[in-house]
N, C-alpha and C. Protein backbone atom coordinates (compact mmCIF):
# COMPACT_ATOMS: atom_id res chain seq x y z
N MET A 1 184.05 155.11 77.35
CA MET A 1 184.09 154.18 78.45
C MET A 1 184.20 152.77 77.90
N SER A 2 184.91 151.98 78.63
CA SER A 2 185.05 150.59 78.20
C SER A 2 183.80 149.81 78.58
N GLY A 3 183.66 148.66 78.01
CA GLY A 3 182.52 147.79 78.29
C GLY A 3 182.46 147.38 79.75
N ARG A 4 183.64 147.20 80.32
CA ARG A 4 183.71 146.80 81.72
C ARG A 4 183.14 147.89 82.64
N LYS A 5 183.43 149.17 82.36
CA LYS A 5 182.91 150.28 83.17
C LYS A 5 181.41 150.40 83.02
N HIS A 6 180.90 150.20 81.78
CA HIS A 6 179.44 150.24 81.56
C HIS A 6 178.76 149.15 82.37
N PHE A 7 179.37 147.96 82.35
CA PHE A 7 178.78 146.85 83.12
C PHE A 7 178.78 147.18 84.61
N PHE A 8 179.88 147.74 85.11
CA PHE A 8 179.98 148.11 86.52
C PHE A 8 178.91 149.14 86.89
N LEU A 9 178.74 150.19 86.06
CA LEU A 9 177.73 151.21 86.34
C LEU A 9 176.32 150.61 86.31
N ALA A 10 176.05 149.75 85.35
CA ALA A 10 174.73 149.12 85.26
C ALA A 10 174.47 148.25 86.49
N GLU A 11 175.51 147.54 86.92
CA GLU A 11 175.37 146.69 88.10
C GLU A 11 175.12 147.54 89.35
N CYS A 12 175.82 148.66 89.49
CA CYS A 12 175.61 149.56 90.62
C CYS A 12 174.19 150.11 90.62
N CYS A 13 173.68 150.51 89.47
CA CYS A 13 172.31 151.03 89.37
C CYS A 13 171.30 149.95 89.75
N MET A 14 171.55 148.72 89.31
CA MET A 14 170.63 147.62 89.62
C MET A 14 170.59 147.40 91.14
N TYR A 15 171.75 147.38 91.78
CA TYR A 15 171.80 147.19 93.22
C TYR A 15 171.11 148.35 93.95
N HIS A 16 171.29 149.56 93.45
CA HIS A 16 170.65 150.72 94.06
C HIS A 16 169.13 150.60 93.98
N ILE A 17 168.62 150.18 92.84
CA ILE A 17 167.17 150.02 92.66
C ILE A 17 166.66 148.93 93.61
N ILE A 18 167.36 147.82 93.69
CA ILE A 18 166.95 146.73 94.59
C ILE A 18 166.97 147.21 96.03
N TYR A 19 167.99 147.95 96.40
CA TYR A 19 168.12 148.48 97.75
C TYR A 19 166.95 149.42 98.07
N MET A 20 166.62 150.33 97.15
CA MET A 20 165.53 151.28 97.37
C MET A 20 164.19 150.56 97.47
N GLU A 21 163.97 149.53 96.68
CA GLU A 21 162.73 148.75 96.76
C GLU A 21 162.64 148.05 98.12
N MET A 22 163.76 147.53 98.60
CA MET A 22 163.79 146.86 99.89
C MET A 22 163.47 147.86 101.01
N ILE A 23 164.05 149.05 100.96
CA ILE A 23 163.79 150.09 101.96
C ILE A 23 162.30 150.46 101.93
N HIS A 24 161.73 150.59 100.75
CA HIS A 24 160.32 150.93 100.62
C HIS A 24 159.44 149.84 101.25
N LYS A 25 159.75 148.58 100.98
CA LYS A 25 158.96 147.48 101.54
C LYS A 25 159.06 147.45 103.06
N ILE A 26 160.27 147.66 103.58
CA ILE A 26 160.46 147.67 105.03
C ILE A 26 159.69 148.84 105.65
N SER A 27 159.75 150.01 105.03
CA SER A 27 159.01 151.18 105.54
C SER A 27 157.52 150.91 105.56
N CYS A 28 157.00 150.31 104.49
CA CYS A 28 155.57 149.98 104.44
C CYS A 28 155.21 148.99 105.54
N PHE A 29 156.07 148.01 105.76
CA PHE A 29 155.81 147.02 106.81
C PHE A 29 155.78 147.68 108.18
N VAL A 30 156.75 148.56 108.45
CA VAL A 30 156.81 149.24 109.75
C VAL A 30 155.55 150.08 109.96
N TRP A 31 155.14 150.85 108.95
CA TRP A 31 153.92 151.65 109.09
C TRP A 31 152.70 150.77 109.30
N PHE A 32 152.61 149.66 108.55
CA PHE A 32 151.49 148.75 108.73
C PHE A 32 151.48 148.19 110.14
N PHE A 33 152.65 147.78 110.64
CA PHE A 33 152.74 147.23 112.00
C PHE A 33 152.29 148.25 113.03
N LEU A 34 152.78 149.48 112.92
CA LEU A 34 152.43 150.52 113.89
C LEU A 34 150.93 150.82 113.87
N LEU A 35 150.37 150.93 112.68
CA LEU A 35 148.94 151.22 112.59
C LEU A 35 148.09 150.06 113.07
N SER A 36 148.46 148.84 112.69
CA SER A 36 147.66 147.69 113.10
C SER A 36 147.81 147.41 114.59
N SER A 37 149.02 147.61 115.14
CA SER A 37 149.19 147.37 116.57
C SER A 37 148.45 148.42 117.38
N THR A 38 148.37 149.66 116.89
CA THR A 38 147.60 150.67 117.58
C THR A 38 146.14 150.28 117.60
N ALA A 39 145.62 149.79 116.48
CA ALA A 39 144.22 149.34 116.44
C ALA A 39 144.02 148.15 117.36
N LEU A 40 144.96 147.22 117.37
CA LEU A 40 144.84 146.04 118.21
C LEU A 40 144.87 146.42 119.69
N PHE A 41 145.82 147.28 120.06
CA PHE A 41 145.99 147.62 121.46
C PHE A 41 144.87 148.51 121.98
N SER A 42 144.24 149.26 121.10
CA SER A 42 143.23 150.19 121.58
C SER A 42 141.83 149.58 121.58
N GLN A 43 141.70 148.31 121.25
CA GLN A 43 140.39 147.68 121.32
C GLN A 43 139.89 147.71 122.75
N GLN A 44 138.63 147.98 122.90
CA GLN A 44 138.06 148.07 124.23
C GLN A 44 136.75 147.31 124.26
N THR A 45 136.32 146.99 125.45
CA THR A 45 135.00 146.42 125.62
C THR A 45 134.17 147.40 126.41
N ASP A 46 132.86 147.31 126.24
CA ASP A 46 131.96 148.21 126.96
C ASP A 46 131.84 147.83 128.43
N ASP A 47 132.33 146.64 128.80
CA ASP A 47 132.21 146.16 130.17
C ASP A 47 133.21 146.82 131.12
N PHE A 48 134.28 147.38 130.57
CA PHE A 48 135.34 147.95 131.41
C PHE A 48 135.68 149.36 130.96
N GLN A 49 135.89 150.23 131.93
CA GLN A 49 136.18 151.63 131.65
C GLN A 49 137.68 151.89 131.49
N LEU A 50 138.52 150.96 131.95
CA LEU A 50 139.96 151.19 131.94
C LEU A 50 140.69 150.00 131.34
N SER A 51 141.62 150.30 130.46
CA SER A 51 142.51 149.28 129.90
C SER A 51 143.91 149.87 129.78
N THR A 52 144.88 148.99 129.60
CA THR A 52 146.27 149.43 129.45
C THR A 52 147.02 148.43 128.58
N HIS A 53 148.20 148.80 128.17
CA HIS A 53 149.13 147.85 127.55
C HIS A 53 150.54 148.40 127.67
N MET A 54 151.48 147.48 127.49
CA MET A 54 152.89 147.86 127.53
C MET A 54 153.54 147.38 126.24
N LEU A 55 154.18 148.30 125.52
CA LEU A 55 154.88 147.99 124.29
C LEU A 55 156.38 148.14 124.54
N ASP A 56 157.14 147.10 124.25
CA ASP A 56 158.59 147.12 124.41
C ASP A 56 159.20 147.75 123.15
N LEU A 57 159.64 148.99 123.25
CA LEU A 57 160.18 149.70 122.10
C LEU A 57 161.48 149.10 121.59
N SER A 58 162.26 148.50 122.47
CA SER A 58 163.54 147.94 122.04
C SER A 58 163.33 146.73 121.13
N LYS A 59 162.22 146.02 121.29
CA LYS A 59 161.92 144.86 120.45
C LYS A 59 160.83 145.17 119.42
N GLY A 60 160.12 146.26 119.62
CA GLY A 60 159.04 146.60 118.71
C GLY A 60 157.86 145.66 118.80
N GLU A 61 157.63 145.14 120.00
CA GLU A 61 156.51 144.22 120.18
C GLU A 61 155.93 144.35 121.58
N PRO A 62 154.75 143.77 121.80
CA PRO A 62 154.12 143.86 123.12
C PRO A 62 154.96 143.20 124.21
N ALA A 63 154.85 143.73 125.40
CA ALA A 63 155.54 143.16 126.56
C ALA A 63 154.56 142.24 127.30
N ALA A 64 154.78 140.96 127.21
CA ALA A 64 153.89 139.97 127.81
C ALA A 64 154.35 139.59 129.22
N GLN A 65 153.39 139.17 130.03
CA GLN A 65 153.63 138.65 131.38
C GLN A 65 154.23 139.68 132.33
N VAL A 66 153.81 140.93 132.19
CA VAL A 66 154.24 141.99 133.10
C VAL A 66 153.12 142.21 134.13
N PRO A 67 153.41 142.04 135.42
CA PRO A 67 152.39 142.30 136.44
C PRO A 67 152.01 143.78 136.47
N VAL A 68 150.70 144.03 136.57
CA VAL A 68 150.16 145.40 136.62
C VAL A 68 149.19 145.47 137.79
N THR A 69 149.34 146.51 138.60
CA THR A 69 148.45 146.71 139.74
C THR A 69 147.78 148.08 139.60
N LEU A 70 146.47 148.10 139.84
CA LEU A 70 145.71 149.35 139.82
C LEU A 70 145.41 149.77 141.25
N TYR A 71 145.73 151.02 141.57
CA TYR A 71 145.45 151.61 142.87
C TYR A 71 144.50 152.79 142.68
N ARG A 72 143.71 153.07 143.70
CA ARG A 72 142.85 154.25 143.72
C ARG A 72 143.22 155.09 144.93
N TRP A 73 143.28 156.42 144.73
CA TRP A 73 143.60 157.33 145.82
C TRP A 73 142.37 157.49 146.71
N ASP A 74 142.55 157.17 147.97
CA ASP A 74 141.49 157.31 148.97
C ASP A 74 141.68 158.66 149.65
N THR A 75 140.81 159.61 149.31
CA THR A 75 140.96 160.96 149.85
C THR A 75 140.68 161.02 151.34
N SER A 76 139.82 160.12 151.84
CA SER A 76 139.52 160.17 153.28
C SER A 76 140.69 159.67 154.12
N GLY A 77 141.39 158.68 153.61
CA GLY A 77 142.53 158.15 154.35
C GLY A 77 143.86 158.67 153.86
N ALA A 78 143.82 159.46 152.79
CA ALA A 78 145.03 160.03 152.18
C ALA A 78 146.07 158.95 151.92
N GLU A 79 145.63 157.89 151.19
CA GLU A 79 146.55 156.79 150.86
C GLU A 79 146.08 156.08 149.60
N TRP A 80 147.02 155.33 149.00
CA TRP A 80 146.70 154.51 147.83
C TRP A 80 146.12 153.18 148.31
N VAL A 81 145.00 152.79 147.71
CA VAL A 81 144.34 151.53 148.05
C VAL A 81 144.35 150.66 146.80
N MET A 82 144.86 149.43 146.95
CA MET A 82 144.91 148.53 145.80
C MET A 82 143.49 148.18 145.36
N HIS A 83 143.26 148.30 144.06
CA HIS A 83 141.95 147.99 143.50
C HIS A 83 141.95 146.61 142.86
N THR A 84 142.94 146.32 142.00
CA THR A 84 143.03 145.02 141.32
C THR A 84 144.44 144.77 140.83
N GLN A 85 144.76 143.50 140.59
CA GLN A 85 146.04 143.10 140.03
C GLN A 85 145.79 142.24 138.80
N SER A 86 146.70 142.33 137.84
CA SER A 86 146.59 141.53 136.63
C SER A 86 147.98 141.35 136.03
N VAL A 87 148.04 140.68 134.89
CA VAL A 87 149.29 140.46 134.17
C VAL A 87 149.01 140.69 132.69
N THR A 88 149.92 141.38 131.99
CA THR A 88 149.70 141.60 130.57
C THR A 88 149.69 140.27 129.83
N GLY A 89 148.83 140.18 128.83
CA GLY A 89 148.72 138.97 128.02
C GLY A 89 149.79 138.96 126.93
N ASP A 90 149.67 138.01 126.02
CA ASP A 90 150.63 137.90 124.92
C ASP A 90 150.65 139.16 124.05
N ASN A 91 149.53 139.90 124.04
CA ASN A 91 149.47 141.14 123.27
C ASN A 91 149.88 142.35 124.11
N GLY A 92 150.42 142.10 125.31
CA GLY A 92 150.88 143.17 126.18
C GLY A 92 149.76 143.96 126.84
N ARG A 93 148.57 143.43 126.77
CA ARG A 93 147.38 144.19 127.14
C ARG A 93 146.67 143.63 128.37
N VAL A 94 146.07 144.54 129.14
CA VAL A 94 145.13 144.20 130.21
C VAL A 94 143.89 145.05 129.93
N GLY A 95 142.77 144.40 129.67
CA GLY A 95 141.59 145.14 129.26
C GLY A 95 140.48 145.19 130.28
N ASP A 96 140.67 144.56 131.43
CA ASP A 96 139.57 144.43 132.39
C ASP A 96 139.93 144.97 133.78
N LEU A 97 140.42 146.20 133.80
CA LEU A 97 140.90 146.74 135.07
C LEU A 97 139.84 147.42 135.93
N LEU A 98 138.86 148.03 135.31
CA LEU A 98 137.90 148.82 136.07
C LEU A 98 136.52 148.65 135.45
N PRO A 99 135.64 147.90 136.11
CA PRO A 99 134.30 147.67 135.54
C PRO A 99 133.56 148.98 135.25
N ALA A 100 132.91 149.02 134.10
CA ALA A 100 132.12 150.20 133.71
C ALA A 100 130.76 150.15 134.40
N GLY A 101 129.99 151.21 134.24
CA GLY A 101 128.63 151.23 134.73
C GLY A 101 128.47 151.66 136.18
N ARG A 102 129.55 152.13 136.78
CA ARG A 102 129.44 152.65 138.14
C ARG A 102 130.28 153.91 138.24
N ASP A 103 130.22 154.57 139.35
CA ASP A 103 130.97 155.81 139.53
C ASP A 103 132.44 155.48 139.79
N ASN A 104 133.26 155.63 138.76
CA ASN A 104 134.69 155.35 138.87
C ASN A 104 135.53 156.62 138.91
N GLU A 105 134.88 157.77 139.02
CA GLU A 105 135.65 159.01 139.03
C GLU A 105 136.62 159.02 140.20
N GLY A 106 137.82 159.51 139.93
CA GLY A 106 138.82 159.59 140.97
C GLY A 106 140.22 159.56 140.40
N ILE A 107 141.18 159.53 141.30
CA ILE A 107 142.60 159.49 140.91
C ILE A 107 143.10 158.06 141.08
N TYR A 108 143.77 157.57 140.05
CA TYR A 108 144.25 156.20 140.01
C TYR A 108 145.74 156.16 139.69
N LYS A 109 146.31 155.00 139.97
CA LYS A 109 147.72 154.77 139.66
C LYS A 109 147.85 153.35 139.11
N LEU A 110 148.49 153.22 137.95
CA LEU A 110 148.86 151.91 137.40
C LEU A 110 150.33 151.69 137.71
N ARG A 111 150.65 150.54 138.27
CA ARG A 111 152.04 150.21 138.57
C ARG A 111 152.43 148.99 137.72
N PHE A 112 153.41 149.18 136.84
CA PHE A 112 153.95 148.13 135.98
C PHE A 112 155.23 147.61 136.60
N GLU A 113 155.28 146.32 136.91
CA GLU A 113 156.47 145.71 137.52
C GLU A 113 157.43 145.30 136.41
N THR A 114 158.34 146.19 136.06
CA THR A 114 159.19 146.01 134.89
C THR A 114 160.52 145.31 135.16
N TYR A 115 160.92 145.22 136.42
CA TYR A 115 162.23 144.66 136.76
C TYR A 115 162.39 143.23 136.23
N ALA A 116 161.48 142.34 136.57
CA ALA A 116 161.59 140.94 136.15
C ALA A 116 161.50 140.80 134.64
N TYR A 117 160.68 141.65 134.01
CA TYR A 117 160.54 141.59 132.55
C TYR A 117 161.89 141.83 131.87
N PHE A 118 162.58 142.90 132.24
CA PHE A 118 163.85 143.22 131.60
C PHE A 118 164.98 142.30 132.07
N THR A 119 164.98 141.94 133.34
CA THR A 119 165.99 141.00 133.84
C THR A 119 165.90 139.67 133.09
N GLY A 120 164.69 139.23 132.80
CA GLY A 120 164.48 138.00 132.05
C GLY A 120 165.05 138.04 130.66
N GLN A 121 165.28 139.22 130.13
CA GLN A 121 165.89 139.38 128.81
C GLN A 121 167.39 139.64 128.89
N GLY A 122 167.92 139.56 130.11
CA GLY A 122 169.35 139.83 130.29
C GLY A 122 169.68 141.32 130.25
N LEU A 123 168.68 142.16 130.49
CA LEU A 123 168.89 143.61 130.47
C LEU A 123 168.80 144.18 131.88
N THR A 124 169.53 145.26 132.10
CA THR A 124 169.44 145.99 133.35
C THR A 124 168.66 147.26 133.07
N SER A 125 167.58 147.45 133.79
CA SER A 125 166.76 148.64 133.62
C SER A 125 166.95 149.56 134.81
N ILE A 126 166.91 150.85 134.56
CA ILE A 126 166.99 151.80 135.66
C ILE A 126 165.63 151.95 136.34
N TYR A 127 164.59 151.35 135.76
CA TYR A 127 163.24 151.43 136.31
C TYR A 127 162.81 150.06 136.84
N PRO A 128 162.85 149.84 138.15
CA PRO A 128 162.38 148.55 138.68
C PRO A 128 160.87 148.42 138.54
N TYR A 129 160.19 149.54 138.46
CA TYR A 129 158.76 149.58 138.20
C TYR A 129 158.44 150.96 137.63
N VAL A 130 157.28 151.07 136.99
CA VAL A 130 156.81 152.35 136.46
C VAL A 130 155.42 152.59 137.01
N GLU A 131 155.19 153.79 137.55
CA GLU A 131 153.87 154.16 138.04
C GLU A 131 153.34 155.33 137.23
N VAL A 132 152.09 155.18 136.79
CA VAL A 132 151.43 156.22 136.01
C VAL A 132 150.19 156.66 136.78
N VAL A 133 150.16 157.92 137.16
CA VAL A 133 149.03 158.46 137.92
C VAL A 133 148.15 159.28 136.96
N PHE A 134 146.84 159.08 137.04
CA PHE A 134 145.90 159.75 136.14
C PHE A 134 144.56 159.91 136.85
N GLU A 135 143.71 160.74 136.27
CA GLU A 135 142.40 160.99 136.85
C GLU A 135 141.30 160.58 135.87
N ILE A 136 140.32 159.86 136.36
CA ILE A 136 139.16 159.47 135.56
C ILE A 136 138.02 160.43 135.88
N ARG A 137 137.47 161.00 134.82
CA ARG A 137 136.31 161.90 134.94
C ARG A 137 135.24 161.40 133.97
N GLY A 138 134.04 161.23 134.45
CA GLY A 138 132.95 160.81 133.58
C GLY A 138 132.94 159.30 133.35
N LYS A 139 132.17 158.90 132.35
CA LYS A 139 131.95 157.48 132.08
C LYS A 139 132.69 156.98 130.85
N GLY A 140 133.47 157.83 130.18
CA GLY A 140 134.18 157.44 128.97
C GLY A 140 135.27 156.41 129.24
N HIS A 141 135.70 155.73 128.16
CA HIS A 141 136.76 154.73 128.29
C HIS A 141 138.12 155.40 128.40
N TYR A 142 138.97 154.86 129.26
CA TYR A 142 140.34 155.34 129.43
C TYR A 142 141.29 154.20 129.09
N HIS A 143 142.17 154.47 128.13
CA HIS A 143 143.21 153.50 127.77
C HIS A 143 144.54 154.18 128.09
N ILE A 144 145.27 153.65 129.07
CA ILE A 144 146.51 154.26 129.56
C ILE A 144 147.67 153.31 129.28
N PRO A 145 148.29 153.41 128.10
CA PRO A 145 149.41 152.53 127.77
C PRO A 145 150.76 153.15 128.11
N ILE A 146 151.78 152.29 128.13
CA ILE A 146 153.16 152.79 128.20
C ILE A 146 153.96 152.14 127.08
N THR A 147 154.84 152.92 126.51
CA THR A 147 155.85 152.41 125.59
C THR A 147 157.16 152.48 126.36
N MET A 148 157.95 151.43 126.29
CA MET A 148 159.09 151.34 127.20
C MET A 148 160.27 150.60 126.60
N SER A 149 161.44 150.99 127.04
CA SER A 149 162.68 150.22 126.85
C SER A 149 163.31 150.12 128.23
N ALA A 150 164.46 149.50 128.32
CA ALA A 150 165.10 149.32 129.63
C ALA A 150 165.50 150.65 130.26
N ASN A 151 165.64 151.69 129.44
CA ASN A 151 166.15 152.96 129.97
C ASN A 151 165.25 154.16 129.70
N GLY A 152 164.00 153.91 129.40
CA GLY A 152 163.09 155.04 129.17
C GLY A 152 161.67 154.54 128.97
N TYR A 153 160.72 155.44 129.19
CA TYR A 153 159.32 155.11 128.94
C TYR A 153 158.53 156.37 128.63
N SER A 154 157.36 156.16 128.06
CA SER A 154 156.44 157.24 127.75
C SER A 154 155.03 156.72 127.95
N THR A 155 154.12 157.63 128.25
CA THR A 155 152.72 157.25 128.44
C THR A 155 151.84 158.32 127.83
N TYR A 156 150.60 157.99 127.58
CA TYR A 156 149.64 158.89 126.99
C TYR A 156 148.24 158.31 127.20
N ARG A 157 147.22 159.11 126.91
CA ARG A 157 145.86 158.57 126.95
C ARG A 157 145.51 158.10 125.54
N GLY A 158 145.35 156.81 125.41
CA GLY A 158 144.95 156.24 124.12
C GLY A 158 143.46 156.28 123.98
N ASN A 159 142.95 155.50 123.02
CA ASN A 159 141.49 155.46 122.84
C ASN A 159 140.99 154.05 122.80
């Protein structure tokens, strides 16, 4: 092989090593972000039994300034009754939805007003709002988050 080919191969190997190191650093950052944001979003206070947050998957960050309304199912009137309204903070979180220390057992619905959030970003969403219905049993803390993009969402019981 000529000297020029050796130099080319060495240069290709160097770029490959730099590329792999960069991929490793990015992967570590993504894992750190996911783990730390989960810890941040799942923080709770003993004063409230219910919290939520909205994470914008398309941006990989919390969705701020999204109106959230909590409803409770009234079995005697067979209708949804508004319990409280709030707006997600800069961390995409609402932590004070349902005061603890009283009988909160029942069926609830969180309604996230997503239309204005996505429209404000120049996006069209097929979901003008998202409603999550769940049941509270006992005195334990319930964290009901959603992860969302303009065209999809997911929910789960966090901690």
